[in-house]
Amino acid sequence: MTVLTVKELAFVEDEIRAEVITAKTLNWCATQCKDQELRKKLEEMAEKHQLKIAYLSQYFNRTNNIQ
């Protein structure tokens, strides 16, 4: 297992925050959308970002890979 430095971990945390913002933005856009097909696509895209957040969070919660 690769051990991350504090700086590297900060970059990962920044990416997680960016994923959160992206997911929230896509969900908001979906609520504003009247076209059901487009709404569904936006919701699917948001879900993919939410799954990335969950995966990254689980990975870092179950490992001690900080140097």
PDB file of N, CA and C in Angstrom:
ATOM      1  N   MET A   1       0.849  -1.187   0.000  1.00  0.00           N
ATOM      2  CA  MET A   1       0.000   0.000   0.000  1.00  0.00           C
ATOM      3  C   MET A   1       0.884   1.236   0.000  1.00  0.00           C
ATOM      4  N   THR A   2       0.562   2.186  -0.831  1.00  0.00           N
ATOM      5  CA  THR A   2       1.280   3.439  -0.909  1.00  0.00           C
ATOM      6  C   THR A   2       0.841   4.347   0.236  1.00  0.00           C
ATOM      7  N   VAL A   3       1.804   4.947   0.881  1.00  0.00           N
ATOM      8  CA  VAL A   3       1.517   5.877   1.972  1.00  0.00           C
ATOM      9  C   VAL A   3       1.493   7.288   1.390  1.00  0.00           C
ATOM     10  N   LEU A   4       0.441   8.020   1.699  1.00  0.00           N
ATOM     11  CA  LEU A   4       0.289   9.384   1.199  1.00  0.00           C
ATOM     12  C   LEU A   4       0.849  10.393   2.189  1.00  0.00           C
ATOM     13  N   THR A   5       1.427  11.435   1.653  1.00  0.00           N
ATOM     14  CA  THR A   5       1.867  12.539   2.507  1.00  0.00           C
ATOM     15  C   THR A   5       0.651  13.394   2.846  1.00  0.00           C
ATOM     16  N   VAL A   6       0.820  14.287   3.771  1.00  0.00           N
ATOM     17  CA  VAL A   6      -0.268  15.183   4.153  1.00  0.00           C
ATOM     18  C   VAL A   6      -0.686  16.048   2.956  1.00  0.00           C
ATOM     19  N   LYS A   7       0.285  16.483   2.179  1.00  0.00           N
ATOM     20  CA  LYS A   7      -0.014  17.314   1.004  1.00  0.00           C
ATOM     21  C   LYS A   7      -0.815  16.526  -0.029  1.00  0.00           C
ATOM     22  N   GLU A   8      -0.427  15.271  -0.267  1.00  0.00           N
ATOM     23  CA  GLU A   8      -1.162  14.437  -1.218  1.00  0.00           C
ATOM     24  C   GLU A   8      -2.588  14.187  -0.738  1.00  0.00           C
ATOM     25  N   LEU A   9      -2.727  13.950   0.551  1.00  0.00           N
ATOM     26  CA  LEU A   9      -4.061  13.747   1.117  1.00  0.00           C
ATOM     27  C   LEU A   9      -4.913  15.006   0.947  1.00  0.00           C
ATOM     28  N   ALA A  10      -4.308  16.168   1.085  1.00  0.00           N
ATOM     29  CA  ALA A  10      -5.040  17.426   0.895  1.00  0.00           C
ATOM     30  C   ALA A  10      -5.550  17.537  -0.536  1.00  0.00           C
ATOM     31  N   PHE A  11      -4.748  17.093  -1.516  1.00  0.00           N
ATOM     32  CA  PHE A  11      -5.202  17.097  -2.906  1.00  0.00           C
ATOM     33  C   PHE A  11      -6.409  16.175  -3.090  1.00  0.00           C
ATOM     34  N   VAL A  12      -6.374  15.013  -2.447  1.00  0.00           N
ATOM     35  CA  VAL A  12      -7.493  14.074  -2.546  1.00  0.00           C
ATOM     36  C   VAL A  12      -8.742  14.681  -1.895  1.00  0.00           C
ATOM     37  N   GLU A  13      -8.559  15.319  -0.754  1.00  0.00           N
ATOM     38  CA  GLU A  13      -9.693  15.968  -0.086  1.00  0.00           C
ATOM     39  C   GLU A  13     -10.283  17.067  -0.964  1.00  0.00           C
ATOM     40  N   ASP A  14      -9.438  17.807  -1.655  1.00  0.00           N
ATOM     41  CA  ASP A  14      -9.920  18.837  -2.590  1.00  0.00           C
ATOM     42  C   ASP A  14     -10.752  18.199  -3.700  1.00  0.00           C
ATOM     43  N   GLU A  15     -10.292  17.069  -4.198  1.00  0.00           N
ATOM     44  CA  GLU A  15     -11.032  16.368  -5.253  1.00  0.00           C
ATOM     45  C   GLU A  15     -12.390  15.885  -4.744  1.00  0.00           C
ATOM     46  N   ILE A  16     -12.427  15.380  -3.518  1.00  0.00           N
ATOM     47  CA  ILE A  16     -13.700  14.940  -2.937  1.00  0.00           C
ATOM     48  C   ILE A  16     -14.655  16.125  -2.831  1.00  0.00           C
ATOM     49  N   ARG A  17     -14.155  17.268  -2.383  1.00  0.00           N
ATOM     50  CA  ARG A  17     -15.001  18.466  -2.289  1.00  0.00           C
ATOM     51  C   ARG A  17     -15.509  18.884  -3.663  1.00  0.00           C
ATOM     52  N   ALA A  18     -14.663  18.781  -4.674  1.00  0.00           N
ATOM     53  CA  ALA A  18     -15.085  19.117  -6.044  1.00  0.00           C
ATOM     54  C   ALA A  18     -16.176  18.160  -6.517  1.00  0.00           C
ATOM     55  N   GLU A  19     -16.052  16.897  -6.183  1.00  0.00           N
ATOM     56  CA  GLU A  19     -17.078  15.909  -6.552  1.00  0.00           C
ATOM     57  C   GLU A  19     -18.406  16.223  -5.857  1.00  0.00           C
ATOM     58  N   VAL A  20     -18.328  16.638  -4.598  1.00  0.00           N
ATOM     59  CA  VAL A  20     -19.542  17.002  -3.858  1.00  0.00           C
ATOM     60  C   VAL A  20     -20.240  18.185  -4.528  1.00  0.00           C
ATOM     61  N   ILE A  21     -19.471  19.200  -4.876  1.00  0.00           N
ATOM     62  CA  ILE A  21     -20.036  20.382  -5.530  1.00  0.00           C
ATOM     63  C   ILE A  21     -20.658  20.004  -6.872  1.00  0.00           C
ATOM     64  N   THR A  22     -19.960  19.176  -7.631  1.00  0.00           N
ATOM     65  CA  THR A  22     -20.463  18.757  -8.937  1.00  0.00           C
ATOM     66  C   THR A  22     -21.770  17.989  -8.787  1.00  0.00           C
ATOM     67  N   ALA A  23     -21.818  17.046  -7.857  1.00  0.00           N
ATOM     68  CA  ALA A  23     -23.037  16.262  -7.647  1.00  0.00           C
ATOM     69  C   ALA A  23     -24.204  17.157  -7.233  1.00  0.00           C
ATOM     70  N   LYS A  24     -23.959  18.077  -6.315  1.00  0.00           N
ATOM     71  CA  LYS A  24     -25.026  18.980  -5.873  1.00  0.00           C
ATOM     72  C   LYS A  24     -25.506  19.874  -7.014  1.00  0.00           C
ATOM     73  N   THR A  25     -24.573  20.354  -7.817  1.00  0.00           N
ATOM     74  CA  THR A  25     -24.934  21.215  -8.945  1.00  0.00           C
ATOM     75  C   THR A  25     -25.779  20.450  -9.962  1.00  0.00           C
ATOM     76  N   LEU A  26     -25.366  19.228 -10.276  1.00  0.00           N
ATOM     77  CA  LEU A  26     -26.130  18.421 -11.231  1.00  0.00           C
ATOM     78  C   LEU A  26     -27.525  18.115 -10.698  1.00  0.00           C
ATOM     79  N   ASN A  27     -27.630  17.804  -9.415  1.00  0.00           N
ATOM     80  CA  ASN A  27     -28.950  17.553  -8.823  1.00  0.00           C
ATOM     81  C   ASN A  27     -29.824  18.800  -8.870  1.00  0.00           C
ATOM     82  N   TRP A  28     -29.235  19.952  -8.578  1.00  0.00           N
ATOM     83  CA  TRP A  28     -29.997  21.203  -8.640  1.00  0.00           C
ATOM     84  C   TRP A  28     -30.481  21.454 -10.063  1.00  0.00           C
ATOM     85  N   CYS A  29     -29.584  21.270 -11.039  1.00  0.00           N
ATOM     86  CA  CYS A  29     -29.958  21.462 -12.447  1.00  0.00           C
ATOM     87  C   CYS A  29     -31.102  20.522 -12.823  1.00  0.00           C
ATOM     88  N   ALA A  30     -31.050  19.306 -12.328  1.00  0.00           N
ATOM     89  CA  ALA A  30     -32.106  18.336 -12.625  1.00  0.00           C
ATOM     90  C   ALA A  30     -33.455  18.819 -12.084  1.00  0.00           C
ATOM     91  N   THR A  31     -33.447  19.439 -10.904  1.00  0.00           N
ATOM     92  CA  THR A  31     -34.717  19.913 -10.340  1.00  0.00           C
ATOM     93  C   THR A  31     -35.295  21.075 -11.144  1.00  0.00           C
ATOM     94  N   GLN A  32     -34.441  21.797 -11.846  1.00  0.00           N
ATOM     95  CA  GLN A  32     -34.888  22.939 -12.635  1.00  0.00           C
ATOM     96  C   GLN A  32     -35.335  22.553 -14.045  1.00  0.00           C
ATOM     97  N   CYS A  33     -35.073  21.316 -14.416  1.00  0.00           N
ATOM     98  CA  CYS A  33     -35.274  20.867 -15.787  1.00  0.00           C
ATOM     99  C   CYS A  33     -36.700  20.367 -16.013  1.00  0.00           C
ATOM    100  N   LYS A  34     -37.350  20.839 -17.055  1.00  0.00           N
ATOM    101  CA  LYS A  34     -38.695  20.395 -17.384  1.00  0.00           C
ATOM    102  C   LYS A  34     -38.687  19.176 -18.311  1.00  0.00           C
ATOM    103  N   ASP A  35     -37.629  19.009 -19.071  1.00  0.00           N
ATOM    104  CA  ASP A  35     -37.480  17.869 -19.975  1.00  0.00           C
ATOM    105  C   ASP A  35     -37.114  16.634 -19.142  1.00  0.00           C
ATOM    106  N   GLN A  36     -38.004  15.648 -19.122  1.00  0.00           N
ATOM    107  CA  GLN A  36     -37.805  14.470 -18.268  1.00  0.00           C
ATOM    108  C   GLN A  36     -36.583  13.649 -18.667  1.00  0.00           C
ATOM    109  N   GLU A  37     -36.318  13.559 -19.950  1.00  0.00           N
ATOM    110  CA  GLU A  37     -35.155  12.794 -20.408  1.00  0.00           C
ATOM    111  C   GLU A  37     -33.853  13.456 -19.949  1.00  0.00           C
ATOM    112  N   LEU A  38     -33.788  14.767 -20.085  1.00  0.00           N
ATOM    113  CA  LEU A  38     -32.612  15.508 -19.639  1.00  0.00           C
ATOM    114  C   LEU A  38     -32.486  15.446 -18.117  1.00  0.00           C
ATOM    115  N   ARG A  39     -33.603  15.544 -17.425  1.00  0.00           N
ATOM    116  CA  ARG A  39     -33.602  15.463 -15.962  1.00  0.00           C
ATOM    117  C   ARG A  39     -33.015  14.129 -15.509  1.00  0.00           C
ATOM    118  N   LYS A  40     -33.461  13.060 -16.149  1.00  0.00           N
ATOM    119  CA  LYS A  40     -32.976  11.729 -15.791  1.00  0.00           C
ATOM    120  C   LYS A  40     -31.470  11.625 -16.025  1.00  0.00           C
ATOM    121  N   LYS A  41     -30.988  12.145 -17.143  1.00  0.00           N
ATOM    122  CA  LYS A  41     -29.561  12.099 -17.456  1.00  0.00           C
ATOM    123  C   LYS A  41     -28.749  12.875 -16.418  1.00  0.00           C
ATOM    124  N   LEU A  42     -29.231  14.049 -16.040  1.00  0.00           N
ATOM    125  CA  LEU A  42     -28.544  14.850 -15.020  1.00  0.00           C
ATOM    126  C   LEU A  42     -28.504  14.108 -13.682  1.00  0.00           C
ATOM    127  N   GLU A  43     -29.599  13.464 -13.320  1.00  0.00           N
ATOM    128  CA  GLU A  43     -29.645  12.704 -12.070  1.00  0.00           C
ATOM    129  C   GLU A  43     -28.677  11.520 -12.110  1.00  0.00           C
ATOM    130  N   GLU A  44     -28.571  10.870 -13.265  1.00  0.00           N
ATOM    131  CA  GLU A  44     -27.631   9.762 -13.410  1.00  0.00           C
ATOM    132  C   GLU A  44     -26.190  10.252 -13.276  1.00  0.00           C
ATOM    133  N   MET A  45     -25.912  11.395 -13.868  1.00  0.00           N
ATOM    134  CA  MET A  45     -24.567  11.962 -13.769  1.00  0.00           C
ATOM    135  C   MET A  45     -24.243  12.313 -12.317  1.00  0.00           C
ATOM    136  N   ALA A  46     -25.204  12.894 -11.618  1.00  0.00           N
ATOM    137  CA  ALA A  46     -25.002  13.244 -10.211  1.00  0.00           C
ATOM    138  C   ALA A  46     -24.742  11.988  -9.379  1.00  0.00           C
ATOM    139  N   GLU A  47     -25.474  10.935  -9.686  1.00  0.00           N
ATOM    140  CA  GLU A  47     -25.299   9.687  -8.943  1.00  0.00           C
ATOM    141  C   GLU A  47     -23.892   9.122  -9.127  1.00  0.00           C
ATOM    142  N   LYS A  48     -23.343   9.215 -10.331  1.00  0.00           N
ATOM    143  CA  LYS A  48     -21.981   8.741 -10.580  1.00  0.00           C
ATOM    144  C   LYS A  48     -20.974   9.505  -9.723  1.00  0.00           C
ATOM    145  N   HIS A  49     -21.180  10.806  -9.595  1.00  0.00           N
ATOM    146  CA  HIS A  49     -20.281  11.600  -8.757  1.00  0.00           C
ATOM    147  C   HIS A  49     -20.459  11.239  -7.285  1.00  0.00           C
ATOM    148  N   GLN A  50     -21.685  10.971  -6.865  1.00  0.00           N
ATOM    149  CA  GLN A  50     -21.932  10.581  -5.481  1.00  0.00           C
ATOM    150  C   GLN A  50     -21.286   9.231  -5.169  1.00  0.00           C
ATOM    151  N   LEU A  51     -21.283   8.334  -6.130  1.00  0.00           N
ATOM    152  CA  LEU A  51     -20.631   7.036  -5.930  1.00  0.00           C
ATOM    153  C   LEU A  51     -19.117   7.200  -5.808  1.00  0.00           C
ATOM    154  N   LYS A  52     -18.543   8.129  -6.563  1.00  0.00           N
ATOM    155  CA  LYS A  52     -17.106   8.410  -6.443  1.00  0.00           C
ATOM    156  C   LYS A  52     -16.789   8.925  -5.039  1.00  0.00           C
ATOM    157  N   ILE A  53     -17.642   9.805  -4.545  1.00  0.00           N
ATOM    158  CA  ILE A  53     -17.455  10.355  -3.198  1.00  0.00           C
ATOM    159  C   ILE A  53     -17.486   9.236  -2.168  1.00  0.00           C
ATOM    160  N   ALA A  54     -18.483   8.374  -2.283  1.00  0.00           N
ATOM    161  CA  ALA A  54     -18.629   7.267  -1.330  1.00  0.00           C
ATOM    162  C   ALA A  54     -17.425   6.338  -1.380  1.00  0.00           C
ATOM    163  N   TYR A  55     -16.969   6.013  -2.593  1.00  0.00           N
ATOM    164  CA  TYR A  55     -15.828   5.113  -2.734  1.00  0.00           C
ATOM    165  C   TYR A  55     -14.569   5.721  -2.112  1.00  0.00           C
ATOM    166  N   LEU A  56     -14.285   6.961  -2.450  1.00  0.00           N
ATOM    167  CA  LEU A  56     -13.090   7.611  -1.911  1.00  0.00           C
ATOM    168  C   LEU A  56     -13.168   7.740  -0.393  1.00  0.00           C
ATOM    169  N   SER A  57     -14.330   8.094   0.112  1.00  0.00           N
ATOM    170  CA  SER A  57     -14.500   8.234   1.562  1.00  0.00           C
ATOM    171  C   SER A  57     -14.308   6.905   2.274  1.00  0.00           C
ATOM    172  N   GLN A  58     -14.890   5.837   1.741  1.00  0.00           N
ATOM    173  CA  GLN A  58     -14.728   4.511   2.355  1.00  0.00           C
ATOM    174  C   GLN A  58     -13.267   4.082   2.337  1.00  0.00           C
ATOM    175  N   TYR A  59     -12.608   4.320   1.216  1.00  0.00           N
ATOM    176  CA  TYR A  59     -11.205   3.929   1.084  1.00  0.00           C
ATOM    177  C   TYR A  59     -10.352   4.599   2.155  1.00  0.00           C
ATOM    178  N   PHE A  60     -10.534   5.892   2.341  1.00  0.00           N
ATOM    179  CA  PHE A  60      -9.694   6.607   3.291  1.00  0.00           C
ATOM    180  C   PHE A  60     -10.138   6.381   4.737  1.00  0.00           C
ATOM    181  N   ASN A  61     -11.389   6.017   4.944  1.00  0.00           N
ATOM    182  CA  ASN A  61     -11.855   5.721   6.299  1.00  0.00           C
ATOM    183  C   ASN A  61     -11.352   4.377   6.813  1.00  0.00           C
ATOM    184  N   ARG A  62     -11.092   3.432   5.904  1.00  0.00           N
ATOM    185  CA  ARG A  62     -10.691   2.095   6.345  1.00  0.00           C
ATOM    186  C   ARG A  62      -9.182   1.862   6.283  1.00  0.00           C
ATOM    187  N   THR A  63      -8.428   2.824   5.820  1.00  0.00           N
ATOM    188  CA  THR A  63      -6.978   2.647   5.736  1.00  0.00           C
ATOM    189  C   THR A  63      -6.260   3.733   6.509  1.00  0.00           C
ATOM    190  N   ASN A  64      -5.085   3.387   6.959  1.00  0.00           N
ATOM    191  CA  ASN A  64      -4.191   4.375   7.581  1.00  0.00           C
ATOM    192  C   ASN A  64      -3.030   4.581   6.653  1.00  0.00           C
ATOM    193  N   ASN A  65      -3.229   5.375   5.629  1.00  0.00           N
ATOM    194  CA  ASN A  65      -2.181   5.546   4.628  1.00  0.00           C
ATOM    195  C   ASN A  65      -1.681   6.982   4.573  1.00  0.00           C
ATOM    196  N   ILE A  66      -1.584   7.596   5.725  1.00  0.00           N
ATOM    197  CA  ILE A  66      -1.080   8.964   5.812  1.00  0.00           C
ATOM    198  C   ILE A  66       0.303   8.912   6.448  1.00  0.00           C
ATOM    199  N   GLN A  67       1.238   9.605   5.848  1.00  0.00           N
ATOM    200  CA  GLN A  67       2.604   9.634   6.378  1.00  0.00           C
ATOM    201  C   GLN A  67       2.781  10.864   7.235  1.00  0.00           C
TER     202      GLN A  67
END
